[in-house]
Amino acid sequence: MSLRMTPKFKSRLPYIVLILTVLGLDFGSYLTGSILTETIFSWPGVGRYVLTAIDKRDLPAVQGSILFLSLVFVLVNLITDLLYARVDPRVAYD
């Protein structure tokens, strides 16, 4: 018997989809929150790099950082959508 056919899994399906939605949408907040966290605690990272590039008016570095962060955000949302199709058999992508 596969995981999709068990009654216990079917009863928890709406909650799994909700958890996937929250995690997928909150990831953008985690990315923007990293800028604040890295600045406050003086941790090296992408957020600190972006803030330093903005202060120095390094336009190519700012553009590249924003492009990188947006690509990561889009990839996470794509993975979230693909997990929807894997978890919930009612969702089908043709």
N, C-alpha and C. Protein backbone atom coordinates (compact mmCIF):
# COMPACT_ATOMS: atom_id res chain seq x y z
N MET A 1 0.85 -1.18 0.00
CA MET A 1 0.00 0.00 0.00
C MET A 1 0.90 1.24 0.00
N SER A 2 0.71 2.11 -0.93
CA SER A 2 1.56 3.30 -1.04
C SER A 2 1.13 4.35 -0.02
N LEU A 3 1.97 5.33 0.12
CA LEU A 3 1.72 6.40 1.08
C LEU A 3 0.49 7.22 0.69
N ARG A 4 0.23 7.34 -0.59
CA ARG A 4 -0.91 8.14 -1.04
C ARG A 4 -2.24 7.50 -0.74
N MET A 5 -2.28 6.19 -0.53
CA MET A 5 -3.54 5.50 -0.36
C MET A 5 -3.97 5.32 1.09
N THR A 6 -3.10 5.59 2.03
CA THR A 6 -3.45 5.36 3.42
C THR A 6 -4.43 6.41 3.91
N PRO A 7 -5.43 6.00 4.68
CA PRO A 7 -6.42 6.96 5.20
C PRO A 7 -5.78 8.00 6.14
N LYS A 8 -4.76 7.57 6.87
CA LYS A 8 -4.10 8.51 7.79
C LYS A 8 -3.44 9.65 7.01
N PHE A 9 -2.83 9.31 5.89
CA PHE A 9 -2.18 10.34 5.07
C PHE A 9 -3.21 11.25 4.43
N LYS A 10 -4.32 10.69 3.97
CA LYS A 10 -5.35 11.51 3.33
C LYS A 10 -5.98 12.49 4.31
N SER A 11 -6.10 12.10 5.57
CA SER A 11 -6.70 13.00 6.55
C SER A 11 -5.76 14.15 6.90
N ARG A 12 -4.45 13.94 6.73
CA ARG A 12 -3.48 15.00 7.04
C ARG A 12 -3.07 15.81 5.82
N LEU A 13 -3.59 15.49 4.68
CA LEU A 13 -3.19 16.14 3.43
C LEU A 13 -3.39 17.66 3.44
N PRO A 14 -4.53 18.17 3.90
CA PRO A 14 -4.68 19.64 3.90
C PRO A 14 -3.65 20.35 4.76
N TYR A 15 -3.26 19.71 5.86
CA TYR A 15 -2.28 20.34 6.74
C TYR A 15 -0.88 20.33 6.13
N ILE A 16 -0.55 19.28 5.41
CA ILE A 16 0.75 19.22 4.76
C ILE A 16 0.85 20.29 3.69
N VAL A 17 -0.23 20.48 2.94
CA VAL A 17 -0.24 21.51 1.90
C VAL A 17 -0.11 22.89 2.52
N LEU A 18 -0.77 23.12 3.64
CA LEU A 18 -0.66 24.42 4.32
C LEU A 18 0.76 24.67 4.82
N ILE A 19 1.39 23.65 5.36
CA ILE A 19 2.76 23.81 5.84
C ILE A 19 3.70 24.13 4.68
N LEU A 20 3.51 23.45 3.55
CA LEU A 20 4.33 23.75 2.38
C LEU A 20 4.12 25.18 1.91
N THR A 21 2.88 25.65 1.94
CA THR A 21 2.59 27.02 1.52
C THR A 21 3.28 28.03 2.42
N VAL A 22 3.17 27.84 3.70
CA VAL A 22 3.77 28.78 4.65
C VAL A 22 5.29 28.81 4.52
N LEU A 23 5.89 27.64 4.42
CA LEU A 23 7.34 27.59 4.30
C LEU A 23 7.81 28.20 2.98
N GLY A 24 7.09 27.95 1.91
CA GLY A 24 7.47 28.51 0.62
C GLY A 24 7.36 30.03 0.58
N LEU A 25 6.29 30.56 1.18
CA LEU A 25 6.10 32.01 1.16
C LEU A 25 7.00 32.73 2.17
N ASP A 26 7.27 32.10 3.28
CA ASP A 26 8.11 32.73 4.29
C ASP A 26 9.58 32.76 3.91
N PHE A 27 9.96 31.99 2.93
CA PHE A 27 11.37 31.97 2.55
C PHE A 27 11.83 33.35 2.08
N GLY A 28 10.97 34.10 1.41
CA GLY A 28 11.31 35.46 0.99
C GLY A 28 11.57 36.37 2.18
N SER A 29 10.80 36.18 3.22
CA SER A 29 11.03 36.96 4.44
C SER A 29 12.35 36.58 5.10
N TYR A 30 12.69 35.31 5.01
CA TYR A 30 13.96 34.87 5.58
C TYR A 30 15.14 35.48 4.83
N LEU A 31 15.00 35.61 3.52
CA LEU A 31 16.08 36.22 2.74
C LEU A 31 16.26 37.69 3.10
N THR A 32 15.16 38.43 3.19
CA THR A 32 15.28 39.85 3.53
C THR A 32 15.68 40.04 4.99
N GLY A 33 15.29 39.12 5.85
CA GLY A 33 15.67 39.19 7.25
C GLY A 33 17.14 38.92 7.46
N SER A 34 17.75 38.22 6.52
CA SER A 34 19.18 37.95 6.66
C SER A 34 20.00 39.23 6.55
N ILE A 35 19.52 40.19 5.78
CA ILE A 35 20.23 41.47 5.66
C ILE A 35 20.30 42.16 7.02
N LEU A 36 19.18 42.20 7.71
CA LEU A 36 19.13 42.83 9.02
C LEU A 36 19.96 42.06 10.05
N THR A 37 19.82 40.74 10.06
CA THR A 37 20.54 39.92 11.03
C THR A 37 22.05 40.01 10.83
N GLU A 38 22.49 39.93 9.59
CA GLU A 38 23.93 39.98 9.32
C GLU A 38 24.50 41.37 9.63
N THR A 39 23.71 42.40 9.47
CA THR A 39 24.17 43.75 9.78
C THR A 39 24.29 43.94 11.29
N ILE A 40 23.30 43.50 12.04
CA ILE A 40 23.32 43.69 13.49
C ILE A 40 24.45 42.91 14.15
N PHE A 41 24.62 41.66 13.75
CA PHE A 41 25.62 40.82 14.40
C PHE A 41 26.97 40.82 13.69
N SER A 42 27.12 41.62 12.66
CA SER A 42 28.36 41.72 11.88
C SER A 42 28.83 40.38 11.34
N TRP A 43 27.87 39.59 10.88
CA TRP A 43 28.19 38.31 10.25
C TRP A 43 28.44 38.52 8.77
N PRO A 44 29.45 37.89 8.21
CA PRO A 44 29.64 37.99 6.76
C PRO A 44 28.60 37.13 6.04
N GLY A 45 28.10 37.66 4.94
CA GLY A 45 27.11 36.92 4.17
C GLY A 45 26.56 37.76 3.04
N VAL A 46 25.56 37.24 2.37
CA VAL A 46 24.98 37.92 1.21
C VAL A 46 24.31 39.23 1.65
N GLY A 47 23.60 39.19 2.78
CA GLY A 47 22.92 40.40 3.25
C GLY A 47 23.89 41.52 3.57
N ARG A 48 24.96 41.19 4.22
CA ARG A 48 25.99 42.19 4.54
C ARG A 48 26.64 42.71 3.27
N TYR A 49 26.87 41.80 2.31
CA TYR A 49 27.46 42.19 1.02
C TYR A 49 26.55 43.17 0.28
N VAL A 50 25.25 42.92 0.29
CA VAL A 50 24.31 43.81 -0.38
C VAL A 50 24.32 45.19 0.28
N LEU A 51 24.29 45.21 1.59
CA LEU A 51 24.28 46.50 2.29
C LEU A 51 25.57 47.27 2.06
N THR A 52 26.70 46.60 2.05
CA THR A 52 27.98 47.26 1.77
C THR A 52 28.01 47.78 0.33
N ALA A 53 27.48 47.02 -0.60
CA ALA A 53 27.44 47.45 -2.00
C ALA A 53 26.53 48.67 -2.16
N ILE A 54 25.44 48.71 -1.43
CA ILE A 54 24.54 49.87 -1.50
C ILE A 54 25.24 51.09 -0.93
N ASP A 55 25.93 50.94 0.21
CA ASP A 55 26.65 52.06 0.81
C ASP A 55 27.74 52.61 -0.10
N LYS A 56 28.44 51.72 -0.80
CA LYS A 56 29.52 52.14 -1.69
C LYS A 56 29.03 52.50 -3.10
N ARG A 57 27.73 52.35 -3.32
CA ARG A 57 27.10 52.63 -4.62
C ARG A 57 27.74 51.81 -5.75
N ASP A 58 27.94 50.55 -5.44
CA ASP A 58 28.48 49.61 -6.40
C ASP A 58 27.30 48.96 -7.14
N LEU A 59 26.89 49.59 -8.23
CA LEU A 59 25.68 49.18 -8.94
C LEU A 59 25.75 47.75 -9.48
N PRO A 60 26.83 47.31 -10.11
CA PRO A 60 26.85 45.91 -10.58
C PRO A 60 26.73 44.89 -9.44
N ALA A 61 27.32 45.18 -8.29
CA ALA A 61 27.21 44.27 -7.15
C ALA A 61 25.78 44.23 -6.63
N VAL A 62 25.12 45.37 -6.58
CA VAL A 62 23.73 45.43 -6.13
C VAL A 62 22.83 44.67 -7.10
N GLN A 63 23.02 44.90 -8.39
CA GLN A 63 22.21 44.21 -9.40
C GLN A 63 22.42 42.70 -9.35
N GLY A 64 23.66 42.29 -9.23
CA GLY A 64 23.95 40.86 -9.16
C GLY A 64 23.37 40.21 -7.91
N SER A 65 23.46 40.91 -6.80
CA SER A 65 22.91 40.37 -5.55
C SER A 65 21.40 40.24 -5.62
N ILE A 66 20.75 41.26 -6.15
CA ILE A 66 19.30 41.22 -6.27
C ILE A 66 18.88 40.13 -7.25
N LEU A 67 19.62 39.98 -8.33
CA LEU A 67 19.33 38.92 -9.29
C LEU A 67 19.49 37.55 -8.64
N PHE A 68 20.56 37.35 -7.89
CA PHE A 68 20.79 36.08 -7.21
C PHE A 68 19.69 35.77 -6.20
N LEU A 69 19.35 36.75 -5.36
CA LEU A 69 18.32 36.53 -4.36
C LEU A 69 16.96 36.27 -4.99
N SER A 70 16.65 36.95 -6.09
CA SER A 70 15.37 36.72 -6.75
C SER A 70 15.33 35.35 -7.42
N LEU A 71 16.45 34.90 -7.98
CA LEU A 71 16.49 33.56 -8.57
C LEU A 71 16.32 32.48 -7.51
N VAL A 72 16.93 32.67 -6.36
CA VAL A 72 16.76 31.71 -5.27
C VAL A 72 15.30 31.69 -4.82
N PHE A 73 14.67 32.84 -4.74
CA PHE A 73 13.26 32.93 -4.35
C PHE A 73 12.37 32.21 -5.36
N VAL A 74 12.63 32.42 -6.65
CA VAL A 74 11.83 31.76 -7.69
C VAL A 74 12.04 30.25 -7.66
N LEU A 75 13.27 29.81 -7.46
CA LEU A 75 13.54 28.37 -7.39
C LEU A 75 12.85 27.72 -6.19
N VAL A 76 12.83 28.40 -5.07
CA VAL A 76 12.15 27.86 -3.89
C VAL A 76 10.65 27.75 -4.16
N ASN A 77 10.07 28.75 -4.81
CA ASN A 77 8.65 28.67 -5.14
C ASN A 77 8.37 27.57 -6.16
N LEU A 78 9.27 27.35 -7.09
CA LEU A 78 9.11 26.26 -8.05
C LEU A 78 9.16 24.91 -7.34
N ILE A 79 10.10 24.76 -6.43
CA ILE A 79 10.19 23.51 -5.68
C ILE A 79 8.94 23.30 -4.83
N THR A 80 8.42 24.38 -4.26
CA THR A 80 7.18 24.28 -3.48
C THR A 80 6.03 23.81 -4.36
N ASP A 81 5.90 24.35 -5.55
CA ASP A 81 4.84 23.93 -6.46
C ASP A 81 5.01 22.48 -6.90
N LEU A 82 6.22 22.05 -7.13
CA LEU A 82 6.45 20.66 -7.51
C LEU A 82 6.14 19.71 -6.34
N LEU A 83 6.42 20.16 -5.13
CA LEU A 83 6.07 19.35 -3.97
C LEU A 83 4.56 19.25 -3.79
N TYR A 84 3.82 20.30 -4.17
CA TYR A 84 2.37 20.22 -4.15
C TYR A 84 1.88 19.06 -4.99
N ALA A 85 2.40 18.95 -6.20
CA ALA A 85 1.98 17.89 -7.10
C ALA A 85 2.39 16.52 -6.56
N ARG A 86 3.48 16.46 -5.87
CA ARG A 86 3.95 15.18 -5.32
C ARG A 86 3.12 14.76 -4.11
N VAL A 87 2.76 15.72 -3.26
CA VAL A 87 2.05 15.42 -2.03
C VAL A 87 0.55 15.25 -2.28
N ASP A 88 -0.03 16.13 -3.06
CA ASP A 88 -1.47 16.14 -3.28
C ASP A 88 -1.77 15.62 -4.68
N PRO A 89 -2.38 14.44 -4.80
CA PRO A 89 -2.66 13.89 -6.13
C PRO A 89 -3.73 14.67 -6.90
N ARG A 90 -4.47 15.53 -6.21
CA ARG A 90 -5.49 16.33 -6.90
C ARG A 90 -4.86 17.43 -7.75
N VAL A 91 -3.65 17.82 -7.42
CA VAL A 91 -2.94 18.85 -8.18
C VAL A 91 -2.17 18.15 -9.31
N ALA A 92 -2.44 18.59 -10.52
CA ALA A 92 -1.76 17.99 -11.67
C ALA A 92 -1.27 19.09 -12.60
N TYR A 93 -0.03 19.00 -13.00
CA TYR A 93 0.54 19.95 -13.95
C TYR A 93 0.68 19.24 -15.28
N ASP A 94 0.01 19.76 -16.29
CA ASP A 94 0.08 19.13 -17.62
C ASP A 94 1.15 19.73 -18.47
